[in-house]
N, C-alpha and C. Protein backbone atom coordinates (compact mmCIF):
# COMPACT_ATOMS: atom_id res chain seq x y z
N UNK A 1 0.70 -0.88 0.20
CA UNK A 1 -0.21 -0.07 -0.29
C UNK A 1 0.90 1.42 0.20
N UNK A 2 1.02 2.08 -0.83
CA UNK A 2 1.55 3.40 -1.15
C UNK A 2 0.69 4.31 -0.28
N UNK A 3 1.50 5.55 0.19
CA UNK A 3 1.15 6.94 1.04
C UNK A 3 0.97 7.93 0.31
N UNK A 4 -0.03 8.21 -0.17
CA UNK A 4 0.03 9.41 -0.91
C UNK A 4 0.97 11.00 -0.74
N UNK A 5 1.26 11.46 -1.43
CA UNK A 5 2.06 12.11 -1.62
C UNK A 5 1.94 13.52 -1.46
N UNK A 6 2.48 14.20 -0.19
CA UNK A 6 1.57 15.50 0.20
C UNK A 6 1.57 16.40 -0.98
N UNK A 7 0.88 17.68 -0.75
CA UNK A 7 0.80 18.68 -2.27
C UNK A 7 1.50 20.05 -1.72
N UNK A 8 1.87 20.78 -2.04
CA UNK A 8 2.65 22.11 -1.58
C UNK A 8 2.35 22.59 -0.68
N UNK A 9 0.75 22.67 -0.71
CA UNK A 9 0.42 23.34 0.47
C UNK A 9 0.32 22.64 1.52
N UNK A 10 -0.18 21.82 1.85
CA UNK A 10 0.52 20.78 2.86
C UNK A 10 1.36 21.24 3.39
N UNK A 11 2.35 20.61 2.65
CA UNK A 11 3.98 20.81 3.22
C UNK A 11 4.27 22.52 3.89
N UNK A 12 3.83 22.83 3.28
CA UNK A 12 4.05 24.51 3.57
C UNK A 12 3.05 24.85 5.26
N UNK A 13 1.85 24.25 5.08
CA UNK A 13 1.13 24.36 6.54
C UNK A 13 1.66 23.67 7.53
N UNK A 14 2.59 22.53 7.34
CA UNK A 14 3.24 21.58 7.72
C UNK A 14 4.45 22.33 8.79
N UNK A 15 5.57 22.85 7.66
CA UNK A 15 6.79 23.78 8.29
C UNK A 15 6.23 25.05 9.21
N UNK A 16 4.92 25.66 8.88
CA UNK A 16 4.41 26.54 9.56
C UNK A 16 4.26 26.31 10.82
N UNK A 17 3.32 25.09 11.17
CA UNK A 17 3.70 25.00 12.43
C UNK A 17 4.25 24.52 13.30
N UNK A 18 5.11 23.59 12.45
CA UNK A 18 6.85 23.00 13.53
C UNK A 18 7.13 24.54 13.71
N UNK A 19 7.38 25.96 12.98
CA UNK A 19 7.95 27.32 13.54
C UNK A 19 7.25 27.48 14.98
N UNK A 20 6.12 27.30 14.79
CA UNK A 20 5.47 28.25 15.62
C UNK A 20 5.75 27.21 16.62
N UNK A 21 5.87 25.96 16.82
CA UNK A 21 5.88 25.34 17.92
C UNK A 21 7.08 25.77 18.74
N UNK A 22 8.18 25.31 16.93
CA UNK A 22 9.25 25.80 17.97
C UNK A 22 9.76 27.26 18.87
N UNK A 23 9.04 28.19 18.08
CA UNK A 23 8.85 29.17 18.46
C UNK A 23 7.98 29.77 20.68
N UNK A 24 7.39 28.96 20.72
CA UNK A 24 6.45 28.83 22.04
C UNK A 24 7.49 28.18 22.69
N UNK A 25 8.25 26.93 22.48
CA UNK A 25 9.03 26.29 22.88
C UNK A 25 10.35 27.39 23.13
N UNK A 26 10.33 27.91 22.30
CA UNK A 26 11.94 29.21 23.26
C UNK A 26 11.32 29.95 23.92
N UNK A 27 10.05 30.37 23.30
CA UNK A 27 9.73 31.66 24.73
C UNK A 27 9.27 31.07 25.87
N UNK A 28 8.87 29.85 25.99
CA UNK A 28 8.90 29.42 27.20
C UNK A 28 10.11 28.94 28.18
N UNK A 29 10.65 28.95 27.32
CA UNK A 29 12.30 28.34 28.02
C UNK A 29 12.91 29.49 28.48
N UNK A 30 12.71 30.70 27.45
CA UNK A 30 13.47 32.29 28.07
C UNK A 30 11.98 32.29 29.65
N UNK A 31 11.25 32.29 29.41
CA UNK A 31 10.45 32.41 30.08
C UNK A 31 10.83 32.13 31.51
N UNK A 32 10.89 30.63 31.77
CA UNK A 32 11.17 29.61 33.08
C UNK A 32 12.84 29.89 33.05
N UNK A 33 13.42 30.46 32.19
CA UNK A 33 14.72 30.87 32.67
C UNK A 33 14.84 32.33 33.58
N UNK A 34 14.20 33.15 32.93
CA UNK A 34 14.18 34.42 33.68
C UNK A 34 13.30 34.46 34.73
N UNK A 35 12.53 33.40 34.94
CA UNK A 35 11.57 33.54 36.63
C UNK A 35 12.87 32.92 37.11
N UNK A 36 13.03 31.42 36.66
CA UNK A 36 13.88 30.89 37.74
C UNK A 36 15.21 32.10 38.23
N UNK A 37 15.63 32.90 37.24
CA UNK A 37 17.14 33.95 37.56
C UNK A 37 16.43 35.07 38.74
N UNK A 38 14.97 35.62 38.24
CA UNK A 38 14.55 35.92 39.33
C UNK A 38 14.60 35.86 40.21
N UNK A 39 13.64 34.65 40.60
CA UNK A 39 14.06 34.01 42.27
C UNK A 39 14.76 33.66 43.03
N UNK A 40 15.66 33.35 42.23
CA UNK A 40 17.30 33.48 42.81
C UNK A 40 18.26 34.82 43.54
N UNK A 41 17.68 35.36 42.39
CA UNK A 41 18.03 37.26 42.78
C UNK A 41 17.60 37.66 43.57
N UNK A 42 15.99 37.19 44.18
CA UNK A 42 15.32 37.89 44.76
C UNK A 42 15.35 37.41 46.37
N UNK A 43 16.22 35.96 45.96
CA UNK A 43 16.30 35.37 47.67
C UNK A 43 17.24 35.24 48.45
N UNK A 44 18.65 36.06 47.18
CA UNK A 44 19.72 36.40 47.57
C UNK A 44 19.81 37.82 47.49
N UNK A 45 19.18 38.82 47.74
CA UNK A 45 19.45 39.56 47.69
C UNK A 45 18.27 39.55 49.73
N UNK A 46 17.06 39.16 49.39
CA UNK A 46 16.87 38.93 50.91
C UNK A 46 17.52 38.47 52.02
N UNK A 47 18.52 37.42 51.69
CA UNK A 47 19.18 36.55 52.48
C UNK A 47 20.21 37.47 52.55
N UNK A 48 20.59 38.17 51.86
CA UNK A 48 21.47 39.31 52.29
C UNK A 48 21.25 40.50 53.63
N UNK A 49 19.60 41.16 53.37
CA UNK A 49 19.54 41.94 53.89
C UNK A 49 19.00 41.54 54.71
N UNK A 50 18.96 40.07 55.41
CA UNK A 50 18.36 39.98 56.78
C UNK A 50 19.94 39.12 57.39
N UNK A 51 20.20 38.93 56.56
CA UNK A 51 22.18 39.06 57.29
C UNK A 51 22.65 40.12 58.00
N UNK A 52 22.06 41.16 57.16
CA UNK A 52 22.45 42.74 57.71
C UNK A 52 22.13 43.36 59.15
N UNK A 53 20.95 42.59 58.44
CA UNK A 53 19.82 43.63 59.49
C UNK A 53 20.04 42.59 61.04
N UNK A 54 20.66 41.38 61.11
CA UNK A 54 21.42 40.59 62.11
C UNK A 54 22.70 41.04 62.66
N UNK A 55 23.14 41.20 61.74
CA UNK A 55 24.62 41.26 62.52
C UNK A 55 24.15 43.28 62.45
N UNK A 56 23.37 43.87 62.14
CA UNK A 56 23.64 44.96 62.72
C UNK A 56 22.56 44.69 64.44
N UNK A 57 21.40 44.11 64.50
CA UNK A 57 20.71 43.91 65.86
C UNK A 57 22.08 42.89 66.69
N UNK A 58 23.22 42.42 66.01
CA UNK A 58 24.09 41.59 67.43
C UNK A 58 25.00 42.95 67.54
N UNK A 59 25.60 43.61 66.73
CA UNK A 59 26.26 44.70 66.96
C UNK A 59 25.13 46.06 67.92
N UNK A 60 24.25 45.69 68.53
CA UNK A 60 23.27 47.30 68.77
C UNK A 60 23.30 46.24 70.42
N UNK A 61 22.85 45.05 70.57
CA UNK A 61 22.79 44.25 71.68
C UNK A 61 24.14 43.92 72.28
N UNK A 62 25.34 43.87 71.61
CA UNK A 62 26.63 44.32 72.15
C UNK A 62 26.68 45.43 72.87
N UNK A 63 26.67 46.68 72.00
CA UNK A 63 26.97 47.65 72.34
C UNK A 63 26.53 48.14 73.73
N UNK A 64 24.45 47.68 73.68
CA UNK A 64 23.93 47.83 74.81
C UNK A 64 24.47 46.70 76.34
N UNK A 65 24.82 45.89 75.90
CA UNK A 65 25.04 45.36 76.74
C UNK A 65 27.06 45.43 77.75
N UNK A 66 27.88 46.41 76.40
CA UNK A 66 29.02 46.62 77.41
C UNK A 66 28.41 47.91 78.55
N UNK A 67 27.51 48.94 77.03
CA UNK A 67 26.92 50.43 78.10
C UNK A 67 26.63 49.70 79.39
N UNK A 68 25.67 48.61 80.02
CA UNK A 68 25.16 48.50 80.49
C UNK A 68 26.00 47.63 81.85
N UNK A 69 27.08 46.85 81.63
CA UNK A 69 28.03 46.67 82.20
C UNK A 69 28.71 47.74 82.60
N UNK A 70 29.38 48.91 81.84
CA UNK A 70 30.33 49.81 82.06
C UNK A 70 29.01 50.57 83.22
N UNK A 71 27.80 51.05 82.60
CA UNK A 71 27.16 51.30 83.85
C UNK A 71 27.22 51.18 85.50
N UNK A 72 26.29 49.65 85.25
CA UNK A 72 26.89 48.85 86.40
C UNK A 72 28.13 49.24 87.03
N UNK A 73 29.24 48.66 86.69
CA UNK A 73 30.42 48.96 87.51
C UNK A 73 30.70 50.22 87.75
N UNK A 74 30.23 51.82 87.25
CA UNK A 74 29.99 52.71 87.66
C UNK A 74 29.78 53.03 88.66
N UNK A 75 28.35 52.00 88.67
CA UNK A 75 27.24 52.24 90.01
C UNK A 75 27.86 52.26 90.94
N UNK A 76 27.91 50.81 90.79
CA UNK A 76 28.95 49.62 92.08
C UNK A 76 30.28 50.50 92.66
N UNK A 77 31.23 51.33 91.32
CA UNK A 77 32.20 51.90 92.26
C UNK A 77 31.18 53.45 92.85
N UNK A 78 30.42 53.62 92.32
CA UNK A 78 30.29 54.93 93.21
C UNK A 78 29.85 54.80 94.81
N UNK A 79 28.37 53.20 95.10
CA UNK A 79 28.33 53.04 96.50
C UNK A 79 28.93 52.25 97.09
N UNK A 80 30.38 51.64 96.57
CA UNK A 80 31.69 51.20 97.09
C UNK A 80 32.26 52.30 98.05
N UNK A 81 32.67 53.51 97.30
CA UNK A 81 32.86 54.83 97.21
C UNK A 81 32.16 55.45 98.53
N UNK A 82 30.83 55.33 98.16
CA UNK A 82 30.21 56.02 99.68
C UNK A 82 30.21 55.60 100.70
N UNK A 83 29.83 54.15 101.02
CA UNK A 83 29.81 53.50 101.67
C UNK A 83 31.28 53.39 102.31
N UNK A 84 32.20 53.24 101.93
CA UNK A 84 33.77 53.87 102.31
C UNK A 84 33.70 54.84 103.20
N UNK A 85 33.49 55.86 102.44
CA UNK A 85 33.26 57.79 103.29
C UNK A 85 32.49 57.27 104.29
N UNK A 86 31.10 56.81 104.28
CA UNK A 86 30.02 56.69 105.50
C UNK A 86 31.06 55.87 106.24
N UNK A 87 31.32 55.05 106.32
CA UNK A 87 32.09 53.74 107.08
C UNK A 87 33.41 55.35 108.27
N UNK A 88 33.81 56.05 107.31
CA UNK A 88 35.08 56.34 107.65
C UNK A 88 34.58 57.77 108.84
N UNK A 89 33.08 58.39 107.97
CA UNK A 89 32.92 59.50 108.84
C UNK A 89 32.23 59.32 109.74
N UNK A 90 31.57 57.53 109.58
CA UNK A 90 30.80 57.02 111.29
C UNK A 90 32.18 56.83 111.98
N UNK A 91 32.59 56.18 112.26
CA UNK A 91 34.20 56.08 112.93
C UNK A 91 34.76 57.16 113.28
N UNK A 92 34.80 57.94 112.51
CA UNK A 92 35.45 59.49 113.05
C UNK A 92 34.50 60.10 114.19
N UNK A 93 33.43 59.70 113.68
CA UNK A 93 32.40 60.44 114.89
C UNK A 93 32.00 59.68 116.08
N UNK A 94 32.55 58.20 115.92
CA UNK A 94 32.13 57.14 117.23
C UNK A 94 33.67 57.98 117.56
N UNK A 95 34.63 57.97 117.51
CA UNK A 95 36.21 57.72 117.77
C UNK A 95 35.81 59.32 118.84
N UNK A 96 35.22 60.74 118.01
CA UNK A 96 35.23 62.01 119.05
C UNK A 96 33.93 61.64 120.06
N UNK A 97 32.93 60.73 119.69
CA UNK A 97 32.00 60.43 120.55
C UNK A 97 32.55 59.89 122.10
N UNK A 98 33.08 58.90 121.51
CA UNK A 98 33.90 58.01 122.79
C UNK A 98 35.04 59.43 123.34
N UNK A 99 35.32 59.68 122.94
CA UNK A 99 36.51 60.29 123.69
C UNK A 99 35.93 62.04 124.48
N UNK A 100 34.67 62.29 123.96
CA UNK A 100 33.74 63.16 124.86
C UNK A 100 33.31 63.02 125.73
N UNK A 101 32.91 61.32 126.09
CA UNK A 101 32.49 60.45 126.82
C UNK A 101 33.67 60.39 128.46
N UNK A 102 34.12 59.85 127.35
CA UNK A 102 35.92 60.12 128.32
C UNK A 102 36.61 61.10 129.04
N UNK A 103 36.06 62.29 128.04
CA UNK A 103 36.41 64.13 129.25
C UNK A 103 35.56 63.94 130.06
N UNK A 104 34.33 63.74 129.72
CA UNK A 104 33.03 63.57 130.71
C UNK A 104 33.10 63.38 132.23
N UNK A 105 33.50 61.89 131.76
CA UNK A 105 33.38 61.36 132.98
C UNK A 105 34.66 61.23 133.66
N UNK A 106 36.13 61.98 132.97
CA UNK A 106 37.36 61.55 133.90
C UNK A 106 38.22 60.44 133.75
N UNK A 107 38.18 60.11 132.79
CA UNK A 107 38.29 59.44 132.47
C UNK A 107 39.74 59.59 130.64
N UNK A 108 39.89 60.57 130.40
CA UNK A 108 40.16 61.22 129.26
C UNK A 108 41.90 60.98 129.04
N UNK A 109 42.38 61.25 130.49
CA UNK A 109 44.09 60.99 130.63
C UNK A 109 44.48 59.27 130.82
N UNK A 110 43.28 58.33 130.70
CA UNK A 110 43.78 57.32 130.85
C UNK A 110 42.47 56.60 129.67
N UNK A 111 42.62 57.06 128.94
CA UNK A 111 42.10 56.34 127.32
C UNK A 111 43.11 55.05 126.81
N UNK A 112 44.21 55.21 127.20
CA UNK A 112 45.36 54.59 126.62
C UNK A 112 45.57 52.79 127.73
N UNK A 113 44.51 53.12 128.50
CA UNK A 113 44.85 51.99 129.39
C UNK A 113 44.14 50.85 129.61
N UNK A 114 44.40 49.22 129.40
CA UNK A 114 43.38 48.60 129.67
C UNK A 114 42.55 48.49 130.67
N UNK A 115 41.18 48.13 130.56
CA UNK A 115 40.46 48.56 132.18
C UNK A 115 40.79 47.17 133.06
N UNK A 116 41.93 46.52 132.71
CA UNK A 116 42.15 45.36 133.92
C UNK A 116 43.36 45.84 134.68
N UNK A 117 43.81 47.39 134.18
CA UNK A 117 44.97 48.43 135.43
C UNK A 117 44.24 49.62 135.76
N UNK A 118 42.95 50.03 135.81
CA UNK A 118 42.27 51.00 136.35
C UNK A 118 41.92 50.39 138.13
N UNK A 119 42.09 51.54 138.53
CA UNK A 119 41.37 51.06 139.89
C UNK A 119 39.58 50.94 139.72
N UNK A 120 39.43 50.36 140.54
CA UNK A 120 38.11 49.65 141.27
C UNK A 120 36.98 51.26 141.17
N UNK A 121 37.61 52.52 141.49
CA UNK A 121 36.86 53.72 141.14
C UNK A 121 36.81 54.32 139.44
N UNK A 122 37.65 53.56 139.37
CA UNK A 122 37.83 54.57 137.36
C UNK A 122 37.46 53.38 137.00
N UNK A 123 36.77 51.96 137.37
CA UNK A 123 36.20 50.87 136.86
C UNK A 123 34.70 51.12 136.49
N UNK A 124 34.60 52.29 137.68
CA UNK A 124 33.13 52.36 137.99
C UNK A 124 32.52 53.63 136.86
N UNK A 125 33.34 54.37 136.91
CA UNK A 125 33.91 55.27 136.00
C UNK A 125 33.19 55.06 134.38
N UNK A 126 34.13 53.60 134.30
CA UNK A 126 34.29 52.87 133.14
C UNK A 126 32.92 52.27 132.57
N UNK A 127 31.71 52.18 133.55
CA UNK A 127 31.04 51.20 133.10
C UNK A 127 30.13 52.25 133.19
N UNK A 128 29.68 53.40 133.00
CA UNK A 128 29.00 54.39 133.33
C UNK A 128 28.79 55.45 131.56
N UNK A 129 30.81 55.95 131.95
CA UNK A 129 30.86 56.10 130.29
C UNK A 129 30.56 54.79 129.02
N UNK A 130 30.82 53.77 129.52
CA UNK A 130 30.40 52.83 128.35
C UNK A 130 28.78 52.54 128.36
N UNK A 131 28.33 53.06 129.50
CA UNK A 131 26.81 53.29 129.47
C UNK A 131 26.09 53.97 128.75
N UNK A 132 26.76 55.46 128.72
CA UNK A 132 26.50 57.13 128.39
C UNK A 132 26.51 56.75 126.71
N UNK A 133 27.74 55.68 126.05
CA UNK A 133 28.02 55.75 124.58
C UNK A 133 26.73 55.30 124.06
N UNK A 134 26.20 54.25 124.41
CA UNK A 134 24.67 53.48 123.71
C UNK A 134 23.84 54.49 123.93
N UNK A 135 24.05 56.09 124.19
CA UNK A 135 22.67 56.67 123.80
C UNK A 135 21.79 56.43 124.88
N UNK A 136 21.55 56.61 125.72
CA UNK A 136 20.23 55.80 126.81
C UNK A 136 19.90 57.24 127.04
N UNK A 137 18.04 56.68 127.18
CA UNK A 137 16.72 57.53 127.30
C UNK A 137 16.71 56.92 128.88
N UNK A 138 17.10 56.11 129.64
CA UNK A 138 16.71 55.93 130.80
C UNK A 138 18.74 55.15 130.91
N UNK A 139 19.09 55.34 132.21
CA UNK A 139 20.42 55.05 132.86
C UNK A 139 19.97 54.15 134.05
N UNK A 140 20.52 52.85 133.86
CA UNK A 140 20.42 52.22 135.40
C UNK A 140 21.83 51.60 135.84
N UNK A 141 21.87 52.14 137.26
CA UNK A 141 23.39 52.32 137.97
C UNK A 141 22.82 50.97 139.04
N UNK A 142 23.05 50.07 138.93
CA UNK A 142 23.19 48.65 139.56
C UNK A 142 24.48 48.68 141.10
N UNK A 143 24.11 49.46 142.08
CA UNK A 143 25.29 49.45 142.90
C UNK A 143 26.41 49.78 143.03
N UNK A 144 26.39 50.74 141.71
CA UNK A 144 27.76 51.41 141.32
C UNK A 144 28.17 51.84 142.28
N UNK A 145 28.02 52.25 143.52
CA UNK A 145 29.62 52.63 144.51
C UNK A 145 29.25 52.25 145.56
N UNK A 146 29.58 50.31 145.39
CA UNK A 146 29.92 49.31 146.12
C UNK A 146 31.14 49.30 146.18
N UNK A 147 31.84 49.19 147.49
CA UNK A 147 33.38 48.29 147.35
C UNK A 147 34.64 49.92 147.23
N UNK A 148 33.87 51.17 147.17
CA UNK A 148 34.49 52.96 146.86
C UNK A 148 34.45 52.89 148.61
N UNK A 149 35.69 54.17 148.84
CA UNK A 149 35.74 54.67 150.03
C UNK A 149 34.95 55.60 149.74
N UNK A 150 35.14 56.80 151.02
CA UNK A 150 34.08 57.89 150.94
C UNK A 150 34.84 58.76 149.97
N UNK A 151 35.99 58.85 150.21
CA UNK A 151 36.54 59.90 148.97
C UNK A 151 35.79 59.64 147.56
N UNK A 152 36.43 58.25 147.11
CA UNK A 152 35.98 57.82 145.92
C UNK A 152 34.29 57.85 145.59
N UNK A 153 33.57 57.44 146.85
CA UNK A 153 31.58 57.47 146.77
C UNK A 153 31.98 59.09 146.42
N UNK A 154 32.33 60.43 147.14
CA UNK A 154 31.95 61.81 147.11
C UNK A 154 31.85 62.13 145.88
N UNK A 155 33.02 61.51 145.29
CA UNK A 155 33.91 61.89 143.01
C UNK A 155 32.28 60.67 142.49
N UNK A 156 32.28 59.83 143.03
CA UNK A 156 31.38 58.87 142.28
C UNK A 156 29.86 59.45 142.09
N UNK A 157 29.28 59.68 143.40
CA UNK A 157 27.93 61.13 143.26
C UNK A 157 27.62 62.17 142.87
N UNK A 158 29.24 62.62 142.15
CA UNK A 158 29.25 63.94 141.54
C UNK A 158 29.43 63.89 140.37
N UNK A 159 29.74 62.34 140.26
CA UNK A 159 29.01 62.07 138.56
C UNK A 159 28.67 61.37 138.25
N UNK A 160 27.93 61.24 138.79
CA UNK A 160 25.83 60.40 138.97
C UNK A 160 25.34 61.92 138.71
N UNK A 161 25.44 62.72 139.37
CA UNK A 161 24.53 64.41 139.95
C UNK A 161 24.94 64.75 138.04
N UNK A 162 26.14 64.86 137.72
CA UNK A 162 26.53 65.98 136.47
C UNK A 162 25.83 65.23 135.55
N UNK A 163 25.88 63.56 135.45
CA UNK A 163 24.55 63.01 134.21
C UNK A 163 23.12 63.32 134.73
N UNK A 164 23.04 63.97 135.39
CA UNK A 164 21.57 63.56 135.36
C UNK A 164 21.07 65.43 135.02
N UNK A 165 21.73 65.87 135.58
CA UNK A 165 21.37 67.22 135.56
C UNK A 165 22.60 67.87 134.28
N UNK A 166 23.72 67.50 133.61
CA UNK A 166 24.02 68.02 132.48
C UNK A 166 23.36 67.34 130.94
N UNK A 167 23.57 65.89 131.38
CA UNK A 167 23.03 64.80 130.10
C UNK A 167 21.33 65.11 130.46
N UNK A 168 20.98 65.04 131.10
CA UNK A 168 19.20 65.44 131.40
C UNK A 168 18.58 64.23 131.27
N UNK A 169 19.73 63.38 131.97
CA UNK A 169 19.13 61.37 131.53
C UNK A 169 18.43 61.26 132.90
N UNK A 170 17.26 60.45 132.85
CA UNK A 170 16.23 59.82 134.27
C UNK A 170 17.43 59.05 134.33
N UNK A 171 17.24 58.28 135.87
CA UNK A 171 18.57 57.64 136.35
C UNK A 171 17.56 56.41 137.70
N UNK A 172 17.48 55.57 137.13
CA UNK A 172 17.19 54.28 138.03
C UNK A 172 18.52 53.64 139.37
N UNK A 173 18.36 53.80 140.20
CA UNK A 173 19.63 53.13 140.80
C UNK A 173 19.47 52.31 141.58
N UNK A 174 19.73 50.97 141.93
CA UNK A 174 19.79 50.36 143.31
C UNK A 174 21.01 50.31 143.90
N UNK A 175 20.91 51.48 145.12
CA UNK A 175 21.80 51.58 145.78
C UNK A 175 21.72 51.18 147.37
N UNK A 176 22.34 50.59 147.85
CA UNK A 176 23.12 50.46 149.72
C UNK A 176 23.40 51.70 150.43
N UNK A 177 24.21 52.72 149.24
CA UNK A 177 24.45 53.16 150.48
C UNK A 177 24.35 54.83 150.60
N UNK A 178 23.39 54.68 151.38
CA UNK A 178 22.19 55.65 152.18
C UNK A 178 22.67 57.59 151.84
N UNK A 179 24.53 57.48 152.14
CA UNK A 179 24.55 59.13 151.37
C UNK A 179 24.59 59.07 149.51
N UNK A 180 24.54 58.45 149.27
CA UNK A 180 23.73 58.44 147.64
C UNK A 180 22.43 58.26 147.64
N UNK A 181 22.20 57.65 148.50
CA UNK A 181 20.43 57.53 148.33
C UNK A 181 19.83 59.03 148.15
N UNK A 182 20.02 59.87 149.75
CA UNK A 182 19.71 60.53 150.08
C UNK A 182 20.27 61.83 149.45
N UNK A 183 21.21 61.69 148.69
CA UNK A 183 21.77 62.95 147.88
C UNK A 183 21.50 63.07 147.05
N UNK A 184 20.99 61.85 145.95
CA UNK A 184 20.72 61.80 144.83
C UNK A 184 19.28 62.01 144.17
N UNK A 185 18.43 61.18 145.57
CA UNK A 185 16.98 60.56 144.45
C UNK A 185 16.04 61.94 144.62
N UNK A 186 15.61 61.64 143.87
CA UNK A 186 14.04 62.89 144.22
C UNK A 186 12.81 61.57 144.53
N UNK A 187 12.84 60.41 144.22
CA UNK A 187 12.35 59.84 144.39
C UNK A 187 12.77 58.26 145.17
N UNK A 188 12.74 57.55 145.89
CA UNK A 188 13.06 56.45 147.09
C UNK A 188 11.71 55.36 147.11
N UNK A 189 11.99 54.42 146.39
CA UNK A 189 11.31 53.09 147.12
C UNK A 189 12.34 52.46 147.96
N UNK A 190 11.80 51.44 148.87
CA UNK A 190 12.30 50.55 149.65
C UNK A 190 11.54 49.78 149.63
N UNK A 191 12.44 48.17 149.49
CA UNK A 191 12.34 47.37 149.52
C UNK A 191 12.79 46.15 150.72
N UNK A 192 11.93 45.19 150.99
CA UNK A 192 12.74 44.67 152.41
C UNK A 192 12.25 43.13 151.93
N UNK A 193 13.02 42.12 151.82
CA UNK A 193 12.31 40.80 151.62
C UNK A 193 11.31 40.85 150.20
N UNK A 194 11.94 41.31 149.53
CA UNK A 194 11.12 41.15 148.14
C UNK A 194 9.50 41.86 148.58
N UNK A 195 9.55 42.87 149.30
CA UNK A 195 8.63 43.78 149.07
C UNK A 195 8.55 44.65 149.51
N UNK A 196 7.34 45.66 148.97
CA UNK A 196 7.97 47.23 149.21
C UNK A 196 7.24 47.92 150.32
N UNK A 197 8.08 48.90 150.91
CA UNK A 197 8.02 48.71 152.61
C UNK A 197 7.85 50.53 152.03
N UNK A 198 7.95 51.12 151.97
CA UNK A 198 7.77 52.69 151.21
C UNK A 198 8.46 53.18 150.16
N UNK A 199 7.81 53.97 150.31
CA UNK A 199 7.56 54.91 148.41
C UNK A 199 7.40 56.49 149.51
N UNK A 200 8.52 57.17 148.37
CA UNK A 200 8.26 58.29 148.49
C UNK A 200 9.44 59.75 148.41
N UNK A 201 9.53 61.23 148.60
CA UNK A 201 10.91 61.76 148.46
C UNK A 201 12.07 60.72 150.03
N UNK A 202 12.97 61.49 149.50
CA UNK A 202 14.26 60.74 150.71
C UNK A 202 13.91 61.16 152.05
N UNK A 203 13.79 62.79 152.38
CA UNK A 203 13.77 62.60 153.93
C UNK A 203 12.55 62.55 154.03
N UNK A 204 11.39 61.95 153.29
CA UNK A 204 9.85 61.52 154.01
C UNK A 204 10.48 59.91 154.44
N UNK A 205 10.88 58.90 153.28
CA UNK A 205 11.26 57.76 153.43
C UNK A 205 12.52 57.61 154.95
N UNK A 206 13.47 58.30 154.54
CA UNK A 206 14.13 57.84 155.53
C UNK A 206 13.72 57.93 157.24
N UNK A 207 12.63 58.54 157.10
CA UNK A 207 11.84 58.83 158.67
C UNK A 207 11.11 57.40 158.78
N UNK A 208 10.51 56.88 157.88
CA UNK A 208 10.02 55.58 157.90
C UNK A 208 10.30 54.49 158.90
N UNK A 209 9.19 54.47 160.09
CA UNK A 209 9.90 53.64 160.85
C UNK A 209 10.07 52.12 160.40
N UNK A 210 9.60 51.60 159.69
CA UNK A 210 9.71 50.11 159.09
C UNK A 210 11.16 50.39 158.19
N UNK A 211 11.47 51.82 157.50
CA UNK A 211 12.21 51.45 156.97
C UNK A 211 13.97 51.70 157.83
N UNK A 212 13.84 52.49 158.98
CA UNK A 212 14.72 52.73 159.87
C UNK A 212 15.18 51.19 160.45
N UNK A 213 13.65 49.91 160.87
CA UNK A 213 13.84 49.49 161.48
C UNK A 213 14.47 47.70 160.66
N UNK A 214 14.25 47.70 159.61
CA UNK A 214 14.57 47.01 158.63
C UNK A 214 16.32 47.34 158.28
N UNK A 215 16.38 48.74 157.76
CA UNK A 215 17.86 48.95 157.62
C UNK A 215 19.18 49.70 158.22
N UNK A 216 18.58 50.13 159.25
CA UNK A 216 19.11 50.86 160.46
C UNK A 216 19.46 50.89 161.66
N UNK A 217 18.11 49.90 162.21
CA UNK A 217 17.96 49.33 163.70
C UNK A 217 17.40 50.91 164.29
N UNK A 218 16.50 50.51 165.14
CA UNK A 218 15.25 51.92 165.84
C UNK A 218 16.12 52.48 166.82
N UNK A 219 17.24 52.21 167.03
CA UNK A 219 18.68 53.33 167.76
C UNK A 219 19.34 53.99 166.66
N UNK A 220 18.97 53.96 165.37
CA UNK A 220 20.58 54.71 164.98
C UNK A 220 19.07 54.59 163.57
N UNK A 221 18.60 56.28 163.45
CA UNK A 221 17.67 56.91 162.75
C UNK A 221 18.87 57.70 161.99
N UNK A 222 18.20 57.77 160.48
CA UNK A 222 18.68 58.47 159.83
C UNK A 222 18.81 60.14 159.97
């Protein structure tokens, strides 16, 4: 069986169709290439921009961290300097206050002596000086005159009176030395065997029969 030959018009149409197909294929290839190149370029640009932003953010973060560290160190250094200065000031004030109290109590000349090197009278003064250093509102003296000679007792009474009058402290004394009680007390409470037997002004309490009997005997009134 023989295939009929194509006429010239058919051949021309076939060639035209082939040309059109080739043209379309060429256009598609170019389009795909351009799209691929364009996408690649945009991705590269985006990546580069992102990397730049990240680098800038990292640099800013590092700079802020360094600034924060420097600021913290400066604040710490300032606080330390202020604390040292405050401590030095407090120490100087404490020393000045201590020297003032030693002068007030008559111990300034013995300021470098150890407590064990002092006489009994001076140790009593030191006890009062140490109490005054705490800046009390009420001063409790518990038999502070015990064991002193008559001369030392007179000096101690003067010091207690000086504390009361010049410092302005309220003083609560527990004392058996009647001269001190009479000379210093504005008000007296007398206890005997754990019971209160008298209360009032010193001269009134001194004439109380119960006080005389308990502490002095009937034959030795105050």
